[in-house]
Protein backbone atom coordinates (compact mmCIF):
# COMPACT_ATOMS: atom_id res chain seq x y z
CA MET A 1 -5.93 23.87 15.10
CA GLN A 2 -6.81 26.86 12.90
CA ALA A 3 -8.05 26.29 9.36
CA LYS A 4 -4.81 27.60 7.83
CA GLY A 5 -2.73 25.23 9.94
CA PHE A 6 -5.02 22.33 9.11
CA VAL A 7 -4.70 22.94 5.37
CA LEU A 8 -0.90 23.27 5.69
CA SER A 9 -0.65 19.98 7.62
CA ALA A 10 -2.88 18.20 5.13
CA GLY A 11 -0.74 19.52 2.28
CA LEU A 12 2.45 18.38 3.97
CA TYR A 13 1.08 14.87 4.53
CA ALA A 14 -0.11 14.58 0.92
CA GLY A 15 3.03 16.10 -0.57
CA SER A 16 5.37 13.97 1.51
CA ALA A 17 3.48 10.79 0.60
CA ILE A 18 3.72 11.63 -3.10
CA LEU A 19 7.44 12.45 -2.88
CA LEU A 20 8.12 9.24 -0.96
CA ARG A 21 6.35 7.16 -3.62
CA LEU A 22 8.29 8.89 -6.38
CA VAL A 23 11.62 8.23 -4.67
CA GLY A 24 10.67 4.58 -4.20
CA PHE A 25 9.57 4.35 -7.84
CA VAL A 26 12.95 5.60 -9.07
CA VAL A 27 14.88 3.24 -6.77
CA PHE A 28 12.77 0.24 -7.84
CA LEU A 29 13.32 0.97 -11.54
CA TRP A 30 17.06 1.22 -10.92
CA LEU A 31 17.00 -2.20 -9.26
CA ALA A 32 15.09 -3.68 -12.20
CA ARG A 33 17.63 -2.25 -14.63
CA THR A 34 20.63 -3.45 -12.64
CA LEU A 35 19.74 -6.83 -11.16
CA PRO A 36 19.53 -10.02 -13.21
CA VAL A 37 16.01 -11.45 -13.43
CA THR A 38 16.52 -14.14 -10.78
CA GLU A 39 18.05 -11.68 -8.31
CA TYR A 40 15.28 -9.15 -8.98
CA ALA A 41 12.78 -11.92 -8.22
CA THR A 42 14.58 -12.59 -4.95
CA TRP A 43 14.44 -8.89 -4.13
CA GLY A 44 10.72 -8.88 -4.93
CA LEU A 45 10.05 -11.74 -2.54
CA LEU A 46 12.10 -10.15 0.25
CA TYR A 47 10.46 -6.77 -0.32
CA ALA A 48 7.09 -8.52 -0.04
CA LEU A 49 8.30 -10.01 3.25
CA GLN A 50 9.33 -6.55 4.45
CA THR A 51 5.91 -5.10 3.59
CA ALA A 52 4.25 -8.03 5.37
CA ILE A 53 6.14 -7.22 8.57
CA VAL A 54 5.13 -3.56 8.31
CA THR A 55 1.51 -4.59 7.68
CA PHE A 56 1.18 -7.24 10.38
CA GLY A 57 3.44 -5.51 12.89
CA LEU A 58 0.93 -2.65 12.99
CA VAL A 59 -2.22 -4.69 12.47
CA GLY A 60 -5.15 -3.07 14.23
CA ILE A 61 -3.06 -1.38 16.95
CA VAL A 62 -3.77 2.22 15.96
CA GLU A 63 -7.39 1.53 15.04
CA SER A 64 -7.98 -0.16 18.40
CA THR A 65 -6.25 2.68 20.24
CA ILE A 66 -8.46 5.24 18.51
CA GLY A 67 -11.55 3.22 19.45
CA LEU A 68 -10.52 3.33 23.13
CA LEU A 69 -9.78 7.07 23.30
CA LYS A 70 -13.36 7.96 24.19
CA GLU A 71 -13.18 5.78 27.29
CA HIS A 72 -9.73 7.15 28.24
CA ALA A 73 -10.14 10.89 27.67
CA ASP A 74 -8.18 11.91 30.78
CA PRO A 75 -4.68 13.09 29.73
CA VAL A 76 -2.94 10.64 32.09
CA GLU A 77 -5.08 7.73 30.91
CA ARG A 78 -4.52 8.80 27.30
CA GLN A 79 -0.75 8.58 27.73
CA ARG A 80 -1.09 5.17 29.39
CA LEU A 81 -3.12 4.04 26.41
CA PHE A 82 -0.44 5.23 23.99
CA ALA A 83 2.22 3.48 26.09
CA ALA A 84 0.12 0.31 25.92
CA ALA A 85 -0.02 0.65 22.13
CA ASN A 86 3.78 0.66 22.10
CA GLY A 87 3.81 -2.34 24.43
CA VAL A 88 1.41 -4.27 22.22
CA PHE A 89 3.64 -3.45 19.25
CA LEU A 90 6.56 -5.17 20.99
CA VAL A 91 4.48 -8.32 21.40
CA VAL A 92 3.02 -8.29 17.89
CA ALA A 93 6.35 -7.39 16.28
CA ALA A 94 8.12 -10.22 18.10
CA ILE A 95 5.50 -12.73 16.92
CA THR A 96 5.68 -11.31 13.39
CA MET A 97 9.47 -11.59 13.33
CA VAL A 98 9.38 -15.23 14.43
CA LEU A 99 6.70 -16.14 11.89
CA SER A 100 8.57 -14.24 9.16
CA ALA A 101 11.78 -16.10 9.95
CA ILE A 102 9.94 -19.45 9.77
CA PHE A 103 8.31 -18.40 6.50
CA PHE A 104 11.68 -17.29 5.10
CA VAL A 105 13.28 -20.71 5.60
CA SER A 106 10.16 -22.61 4.46
CA PRO A 107 9.74 -23.98 0.90
CA LEU A 108 7.50 -20.96 0.10
CA GLY A 109 10.23 -18.49 1.05
CA ALA A 110 12.73 -16.79 -1.24
CA ARG A 111 14.64 -19.84 -2.43
CA ASN A 112 17.66 -17.95 -3.75
CA ALA A 113 17.97 -15.44 -0.92
CA THR A 114 20.93 -15.44 1.44
CA LEU A 115 20.43 -15.65 5.18
CA LEU A 116 21.93 -12.17 5.57
CA SER A 117 19.44 -10.62 3.13
CA GLY A 118 16.57 -12.29 4.99
CA VAL A 119 17.78 -10.98 8.35
CA PHE A 120 18.05 -7.41 7.05
CA ALA A 121 14.68 -7.61 5.28
CA ILE A 122 13.02 -8.64 8.57
CA LEU A 123 14.95 -6.03 10.59
CA SER A 124 14.11 -3.19 8.18
CA GLY A 125 10.45 -4.24 8.21
CA VAL A 126 10.28 -4.03 12.02
CA LEU A 127 12.00 -0.62 12.03
CA LEU A 128 9.63 0.74 9.39
CA ALA A 129 6.64 -0.63 11.30
CA PHE A 130 7.79 1.10 14.47
CA ALA A 131 8.32 4.37 12.59
CA ALA A 132 4.78 4.12 11.19
CA LEU A 133 3.37 3.44 14.66
CA ARG A 134 5.21 6.41 16.18
CA SER A 135 3.95 8.62 13.36
CA GLN A 136 0.33 7.74 14.02
CA ILE A 137 0.60 7.94 17.81
CA VAL A 138 2.12 11.42 17.84
CA ARG A 139 -0.41 12.47 15.19
CA LEU A 140 -3.18 11.63 17.67
CA ASN A 141 -1.54 14.25 19.92
CA GLU A 142 -1.66 16.65 16.92
CA GLN A 143 2.15 16.82 16.80
CA HIS A 144 2.16 16.93 13.02
CA LEU A 145 5.75 17.91 12.35
CA GLU A 146 6.99 15.08 14.55
CA SER A 147 4.53 12.76 12.83
CA LEU A 148 6.06 13.69 9.47
CA LEU A 149 9.50 12.90 10.87
CA PHE A 150 8.43 9.28 11.33
CA SER A 151 6.03 8.90 8.38
CA PHE A 152 8.22 10.63 5.79
CA VAL A 153 11.80 11.22 6.94
CA ALA A 154 12.32 7.71 8.36
CA PRO A 155 11.21 5.77 5.25
CA LEU A 156 12.94 8.34 3.02
CA CYS A 157 16.18 7.68 4.90
CA GLY A 158 15.48 3.99 4.38
CA PHE A 159 15.28 4.48 0.60
CA LEU A 160 18.37 6.69 0.54
CA GLY A 161 20.29 4.23 2.70
CA SER A 162 19.29 1.30 0.50
CA ALA A 163 20.24 3.25 -2.65
CA ALA A 164 23.64 4.19 -1.21
CA ALA A 165 24.36 0.64 -0.07
CA PHE A 166 23.23 -0.81 -3.40
CA PHE A 167 25.43 1.68 -5.27
CA TRP A 168 28.39 0.47 -3.22
CA ASP A 169 27.58 -3.25 -3.47
CA ARG A 170 25.09 -4.32 -6.17
CA SER A 171 23.38 -7.05 -4.16
CA VAL A 172 19.97 -7.77 -2.65
CA ALA A 173 21.44 -8.00 0.85
CA SER A 174 23.03 -4.55 0.57
CA PHE A 175 19.65 -3.01 -0.32
CA PHE A 176 18.00 -4.22 2.88
CA ALA A 177 21.10 -3.56 4.98
CA GLY A 178 21.10 0.05 3.76
CA SER A 179 17.37 0.33 4.46
CA SER A 180 17.89 -0.90 8.03
CA ALA A 181 20.75 1.56 8.58
CA GLY A 182 18.86 4.52 7.12
CA VAL A 183 15.68 3.97 9.14
CA SER A 184 17.72 3.32 12.31
CA LEU A 185 19.56 6.63 11.95
CA ALA A 186 16.29 8.49 11.43
CA LEU A 187 14.69 6.89 14.51
CA VAL A 188 17.72 7.67 16.68
CA ALA A 189 17.83 11.26 15.43
CA GLY A 190 14.10 11.61 16.08
CA TYR A 191 14.46 10.30 19.62
CA PHE A 192 17.34 12.59 20.58
CA ARG A 193 16.22 15.73 18.76
CA PRO A 194 15.29 18.72 20.97
CA GLY A 195 11.62 18.63 21.87
CA GLY A 196 11.13 15.07 20.70
CA SER A 197 8.49 12.95 22.41
CA ALA A 198 9.71 10.28 24.79
CA VAL A 199 8.84 6.71 23.83
CA ARG A 200 7.05 4.96 26.70
CA PHE A 201 6.10 1.31 26.84
CA GLY A 202 3.38 -0.01 29.12
CA PHE A 203 0.99 -2.90 29.44
CA SER A 204 -1.75 -1.60 31.75
CA HIS A 205 -4.24 -1.33 28.86
CA ALA A 206 -2.56 -3.81 26.52
CA GLY A 207 -5.27 -6.43 26.99
CA LEU A 208 -7.94 -4.02 25.75
CA ILE A 209 -5.98 -3.37 22.57
CA LEU A 210 -5.09 -7.02 21.97
CA LYS A 211 -8.76 -8.03 22.16
CA ARG A 212 -9.64 -5.56 19.44
CA ILE A 213 -6.93 -6.29 16.87
CA GLN A 214 -8.03 -9.81 15.93
CA PRO A 215 -10.59 -8.80 13.24
CA PHE A 216 -7.96 -6.68 11.50
CA VAL A 217 -5.62 -9.62 10.84
CA ILE A 218 -7.61 -11.14 7.97
CA VAL A 219 -8.13 -7.67 6.44
CA ALA A 220 -4.37 -7.09 6.55
CA LEU A 221 -3.71 -10.49 4.97
CA ILE A 222 -6.12 -9.82 2.10
CA SER A 223 -4.63 -6.38 1.47
CA TRP A 224 -1.11 -7.77 1.46
CA LEU A 225 -1.97 -10.62 -0.91
CA THR A 226 -3.50 -8.15 -3.36
CA GLY A 227 -0.20 -6.26 -3.52
CA TYR A 228 3.34 -7.46 -3.01
CA GLY A 229 2.18 -10.57 -1.16
CA ASN A 230 1.02 -11.83 -4.54
CA ASN A 231 4.70 -12.62 -5.17
CA TYR A 232 4.49 -15.62 -2.87
CA LEU A 233 1.42 -17.03 -4.65
CA ILE A 234 3.28 -16.61 -7.94
CA ASN A 235 6.40 -18.20 -6.47
CA ALA A 236 4.36 -21.27 -5.49
CA PHE A 237 3.10 -21.77 -9.07
CA PHE A 238 5.82 -20.49 -11.39
CA SER A 239 9.55 -19.89 -11.80
CA PRO A 240 11.34 -16.86 -10.30
CA ILE A 241 11.14 -15.17 -13.71
CA GLU A 242 7.39 -14.66 -13.28
CA VAL A 243 7.96 -13.20 -9.81
CA ALA A 244 10.39 -10.69 -11.30
CA ARG A 245 7.99 -9.81 -14.12
CA TYR A 246 5.07 -9.20 -11.77
CA THR A 247 7.25 -7.16 -9.40
CA PHE A 248 8.39 -4.94 -12.25
CA ILE A 249 4.91 -4.28 -13.65
CA PHE A 250 3.37 -3.82 -10.21
CA ASN A 251 6.02 -1.20 -9.41
CA ILE A 252 5.28 0.55 -12.72
CA CYS A 253 1.60 0.67 -11.78
CA ALA A 254 2.48 2.58 -8.62
CA VAL A 255 1.90 5.62 -10.85
CA MET A 256 -1.82 4.74 -11.04
CA GLN A 257 -2.04 4.37 -7.26
CA LEU A 258 -0.18 7.66 -6.83
CA VAL A 259 -2.62 9.55 -9.09
CA ALA A 260 -5.68 8.03 -7.43
CA THR A 261 -4.40 8.61 -3.88
CA SER A 262 -3.54 12.24 -4.66
CA MET A 263 -7.01 12.95 -6.04
CA ASN A 264 -8.79 11.09 -3.22
CA GLN A 265 -6.82 12.99 -0.58
CA VAL A 266 -8.12 16.23 -2.03
CA TRP A 267 -11.76 15.17 -2.40
CA SER A 268 -12.43 12.90 0.59
CA PRO A 269 -12.13 15.57 3.33
CA ARG A 270 -14.49 17.79 1.36
CA PHE A 271 -16.94 14.92 0.91
CA TYR A 272 -16.94 14.10 4.64
CA HIS A 273 -17.76 17.75 5.31
CA VAL A 274 -20.67 18.17 2.86
CA VAL A 275 -22.28 14.74 3.16
CA HIS A 276 -23.85 15.63 6.52
CA GLN A 277 -24.92 19.11 5.47
CA ALA A 278 -26.32 18.96 1.91
CA PRO A 279 -29.21 16.82 0.56
CA LEU A 280 -28.00 13.31 -0.26
CA ALA A 281 -29.06 13.62 -3.91
CA ASP A 282 -26.87 16.71 -4.33
CA VAL A 283 -23.96 15.03 -2.57
CA ASP A 284 -24.31 11.95 -4.77
CA LYS A 285 -24.27 14.10 -7.89
CA ARG A 286 -21.09 15.91 -6.82
CA ASN A 287 -19.43 12.71 -5.62
CA ARG A 288 -20.26 10.91 -8.84
CA LEU A 289 -18.97 13.82 -10.91
CA PHE A 290 -15.65 13.77 -9.07
CA PHE A 291 -15.18 10.03 -9.59
CA GLN A 292 -16.15 10.37 -13.26
CA LEU A 293 -13.28 12.83 -13.51
CA GLU A 294 -10.93 10.60 -11.52
CA ALA A 295 -11.71 7.64 -13.78
CA VAL A 296 -10.96 9.66 -16.91
CA VAL A 297 -7.70 10.95 -15.40
CA LEU A 298 -6.71 7.36 -14.56
CA GLY A 299 -7.67 6.28 -18.09
CA LEU A 300 -5.49 9.02 -19.60
CA THR A 301 -2.64 8.14 -17.23
CA GLY A 302 -2.93 4.45 -18.08
CA ALA A 303 -3.07 5.14 -21.82
CA ALA A 304 0.02 7.34 -21.59
CA MET A 305 1.84 4.65 -19.60
CA LEU A 306 1.00 2.01 -22.21
CA VAL A 307 2.05 4.19 -25.16
CA LEU A 308 5.30 5.25 -23.49
CA TYR A 309 6.11 1.79 -22.08
CA PRO A 310 8.11 0.47 -25.08
CA PHE A 311 10.20 3.66 -25.23
CA ALA A 312 10.68 3.75 -21.45
CA VAL A 313 11.98 0.17 -21.35
CA ARG A 314 14.45 0.93 -24.14
CA ILE A 315 15.66 4.10 -22.38
CA LEU A 316 15.94 2.28 -19.04
CA GLY A 317 18.05 -0.40 -20.73
CA GLY A 318 20.01 -3.06 -18.89
CA ASN A 319 18.01 -5.96 -17.51
CA ALA A 320 14.75 -4.02 -18.01
CA ALA A 321 14.77 -5.46 -21.54
CA ASN A 322 13.52 -8.72 -20.01
CA TYR A 323 10.16 -7.02 -19.34
CA ALA A 324 9.67 -5.33 -22.72
CA ASP A 325 6.83 -7.63 -23.87
CA MET A 326 4.56 -7.05 -20.85
CA ARG A 327 2.13 -4.53 -22.34
CA PRO A 328 -1.00 -6.74 -22.01
CA GLN A 329 -0.10 -7.52 -18.39
CA LEU A 330 0.34 -3.81 -17.72
CA PHE A 331 -3.10 -3.16 -19.23
CA PHE A 332 -4.80 -5.65 -16.88
CA LEU A 333 -3.27 -3.98 -13.82
CA ILE A 334 -4.21 -0.52 -15.12
CA GLU A 335 -7.77 -1.67 -15.72
CA GLY A 336 -7.87 -3.02 -12.17
CA TYR A 337 -7.14 0.47 -10.84
CA ILE A 338 -9.78 1.96 -13.14
CA LEU A 339 -12.40 -0.45 -11.78
CA ALA A 340 -11.35 0.50 -8.25
CA VAL A 341 -12.93 3.92 -8.83
CA ALA A 342 -16.29 2.36 -7.87
CA LEU A 343 -14.69 1.02 -4.69
CA TRP A 344 -13.40 4.45 -3.64
CA GLN A 345 -16.72 6.07 -4.54
CA ALA A 346 -18.62 3.70 -2.25
CA GLN A 347 -15.98 3.69 0.47
CA ASN A 348 -16.49 7.40 1.12
CA TYR A 349 -20.11 6.77 2.14
CA LEU A 350 -19.31 3.77 4.31
CA LEU A 351 -16.65 5.70 6.21
CA ALA A 352 -18.69 8.90 6.50
CA PHE A 353 -21.63 7.06 8.07
CA ASP A 354 -19.53 4.88 10.39
CA LYS A 355 -20.12 1.62 8.51
CA GLY A 356 -16.57 0.40 8.97
CA GLY A 357 -17.77 -3.07 9.95
CA LYS A 358 -19.61 -3.53 6.67
CA LEU A 359 -16.61 -2.16 4.81
CA ARG A 360 -14.37 -4.70 6.51
CA ASP A 361 -16.73 -7.64 5.96
CA MET A 362 -17.19 -6.94 2.25
CA HIS A 363 -13.45 -6.40 1.85
CA VAL A 364 -12.70 -9.78 3.45
CA LEU A 365 -15.39 -11.68 1.51
CA ALA A 366 -14.38 -10.20 -1.84
CA GLY A 367 -10.71 -10.74 -1.00
CA ILE A 368 -11.16 -14.43 -0.19
CA VAL A 369 -13.26 -15.12 -3.29
CA GLY A 370 -10.91 -13.03 -5.44
CA THR A 371 -7.81 -14.85 -4.18
CA LEU A 372 -9.42 -18.22 -4.92
CA CYS A 373 -10.32 -17.00 -8.43
CA GLN A 374 -6.77 -15.83 -8.97
CA LEU A 375 -5.32 -19.17 -7.88
CA LEU A 376 -7.72 -20.93 -10.26
CA LEU A 377 -6.75 -18.64 -13.13
CA MET A 378 -3.05 -19.14 -12.45
CA TRP A 379 -3.58 -22.89 -12.46
CA ARG A 380 -5.70 -22.99 -15.64
CA VAL A 381 -4.39 -20.06 -17.71
CA GLY A 382 -0.74 -19.91 -16.65
CA PRO A 383 1.28 -16.74 -15.98
CA LEU A 384 -1.33 -14.51 -17.63
CA GLY A 385 -3.71 -15.69 -14.89
CA ILE A 386 -1.68 -13.61 -12.41
CA TYR A 387 -2.84 -10.39 -14.06
CA LEU A 388 -6.34 -11.59 -14.91
CA GLY A 389 -6.63 -12.60 -11.25
CA PHE A 390 -5.65 -9.11 -10.11
CA LEU A 391 -8.34 -7.67 -12.38
CA VAL A 392 -10.95 -10.09 -11.02
CA GLN A 393 -9.97 -9.20 -7.44
CA MET A 394 -10.46 -5.50 -8.06
CA LEU A 395 -13.75 -6.13 -9.87
CA LEU A 396 -15.13 -8.21 -7.00
CA ARG A 397 -14.03 -5.74 -4.33
CA SER A 398 -15.45 -2.78 -6.22
CA ALA A 399 -18.73 -4.51 -7.02
CA GLY A 400 -19.15 -5.80 -3.47
CA LEU A 401 -18.56 -2.46 -1.77
CA PHE A 402 -20.64 -0.51 -4.27
CA ILE A 403 -23.61 -2.87 -3.95
CA ALA A 404 -23.39 -2.62 -0.16
CA ALA A 405 -23.33 1.20 -0.31
CA ARG A 406 -26.11 1.40 -2.90
CA ARG A 407 -28.44 -0.66 -0.73
CA LEU A 408 -28.06 1.90 2.04
CA TRP A 409 -28.02 5.20 0.12
CA LYS A 410 -29.28 4.53 -3.46
CA ILE A 411 -26.14 6.04 -4.94
CA ARG A 412 -25.30 5.82 -8.65
CA MET A 413 -22.03 4.49 -10.01
CA ALA A 414 -19.71 6.69 -12.05
CA TRP A 415 -19.91 4.08 -14.81
CA GLN A 416 -19.60 6.54 -17.71
CA GLY A 417 -16.20 7.63 -16.43
CA ILE A 418 -15.10 4.02 -15.86
CA LEU A 419 -16.22 3.06 -19.39
CA ALA A 420 -14.46 6.07 -20.92
CA ALA A 421 -11.29 5.25 -18.96
CA THR A 422 -11.40 1.63 -20.13
CA MET A 423 -11.70 2.76 -23.75
CA LEU A 424 -8.76 5.13 -23.27
CA ALA A 425 -6.64 2.35 -21.78
CA LEU A 426 -7.58 0.00 -24.62
CA GLY A 427 -6.58 2.70 -27.09
CA GLY A 428 -3.27 3.05 -25.28
CA LEU A 429 -2.71 -0.71 -25.51
CA TYR A 430 -3.51 -0.68 -29.24
CA PHE A 431 -1.02 2.07 -30.02
CA SER A 432 1.53 0.48 -27.69
CA GLU A 433 1.37 -2.73 -29.73
CA LEU A 434 1.84 -0.73 -32.92
CA LEU A 435 4.85 1.13 -31.55
CA ALA A 436 6.57 -1.89 -30.01
């Protein structure tokens, strides 16, 4: 692919990801405004279940397929390998659906959810997982427009379908029914469109992929528990009200993730290019400077969010008023993303020098310890422990990965930017309390 085409494709991927997050953000705020607290909590638990199916339905399949490409470079063998990836997905998705159904009806499941809403949440999760798999498989064939059809159009149709269904019938079940319908239509349209790639399923190389996906399961679990999966830990300790409150604030903080992801997508490809060409000291200086800037941008974003939060909740109105007093909780989540700057700074080195195993091991260790700390804080401190636990998790993950990277390359942390961002966020919290 020529440089111009590469830049265009990269821009399309980044732009579509940002637009998709913004659409989801708007839909989630609408749900929070419209649904009573208990129903919003139920939606949060089912949405966490949906994200779990997407996460575990894909677990390690693409990564394992990529690892086997070198041994299967022949075009025919390559297509057999991709067919095997689809075949493995059928197996993993079936297991995930069964386990999700068992989890749904268990005491830890969404207690107030209807059976219909659970069925549609599981179905939409499987459809989204398949769309994500198709996107990554066709991307390996450098079919970028088709990849965008599955990575962007399919989930966008899911959001639009869920919004339309929820507008028609203001219920949790309608949201997931609309999501299932929207993603299904996009997948069918993608399959029958002129020039679309045929979907082939095979099992000739399935064993090779299945052997490789096991280490990715615990990584996927840790990642899920740090995000929406946290809802189930909260549900085990507290009332549905706390689930709803966490879901609302976590969705608000998607802005922080959006800003960080956008900046990282711009810098990371450049870093991977220069790190093997320039002296390491020069690379470290440039890398550190970028993450100083990213930290300050996140600090400014977080401060603005905190100052505007009281006004935004009033403007949003409806049931959003139930979350008006959550400024300290919002600060803890914002600070977690600020601390994650050290994680992203170190992660670039670990990926550039093929230290994915160390990255995975530190991620798992920090995730396990962080989850235990969060459970302890929830038990001893109460609901505020949810947000303190999130902060501790991000601190441990960032510290663990940075220490691992520093031992290998003697890099320096962008601590001045992180400190400045923290002070900005604290200032935002102070003014937010004054304005409330």
